[in-house]
Amino acid sequence: MLLDPSVNATYIEDCEVCCNPIEVTTQFEDAQLIQFDAVPIEQ
């Protein structure tokens, strides 16, 4: 999964392997990742 350091947000992205949705939360500070969380969304 590629992360964009210009985006501090929670968003939904499909898994590259199984195509199920994942809720991704990122937080960057000075272009460095300081928080990352990925939670599968039940369908």
Protein backbone atom coordinates (compact mmCIF):
# COMPACT_ATOMS: atom_id res chain seq x y z
CA MET A 1 0.00 0.00 0.00
CA LEU A 2 1.39 3.37 -0.98
CA LEU A 3 0.71 6.24 1.38
CA ASP A 4 0.53 9.88 0.34
CA PRO A 5 2.21 12.15 2.92
CA SER A 6 0.06 15.08 1.80
CA VAL A 7 -3.05 13.32 3.14
CA ASN A 8 -3.77 13.25 6.88
CA ALA A 9 -7.12 11.53 6.88
CA THR A 10 -9.24 8.43 7.15
CA TYR A 11 -10.27 6.91 3.84
CA ILE A 12 -11.45 3.64 2.33
CA GLU A 13 -9.19 1.64 0.03
CA ASP A 14 -9.73 -1.79 -1.52
CA CYS A 15 -7.30 -4.55 -0.55
CA GLU A 16 -4.87 -5.27 -3.39
CA VAL A 17 -5.19 -9.03 -2.79
CA CYS A 18 -8.85 -9.76 -1.98
CA CYS A 19 -10.53 -6.47 -3.05
CA ASN A 20 -12.37 -6.12 0.28
CA PRO A 21 -12.57 -2.57 1.66
CA ILE A 22 -10.13 -1.39 4.32
CA GLU A 23 -10.48 1.75 6.43
CA VAL A 24 -7.07 3.42 6.44
CA THR A 25 -6.06 6.20 8.83
CA THR A 26 -2.78 8.05 8.35
CA GLN A 27 -1.12 10.94 10.10
CA PHE A 28 2.06 12.55 8.85
CA GLU A 29 4.22 15.23 10.40
CA ASP A 30 6.89 16.91 8.29
CA ALA A 31 6.42 14.22 5.60
CA GLN A 32 7.11 11.45 8.14
CA LEU A 33 4.51 8.86 9.07
CA ILE A 34 3.64 9.11 12.77
CA GLN A 35 0.42 7.05 12.80
CA PHE A 36 -1.01 4.32 10.59
CA ASP A 37 -4.05 2.13 11.14
CA ALA A 38 -5.75 -0.27 8.73
CA VAL A 39 -9.00 -1.98 9.72
CA PRO A 40 -10.96 -4.35 7.47
CA ILE A 41 -14.58 -3.36 6.90
CA GLU A 42 -17.00 -6.25 7.27
CA GLN A 43 -19.29 -6.81 4.32
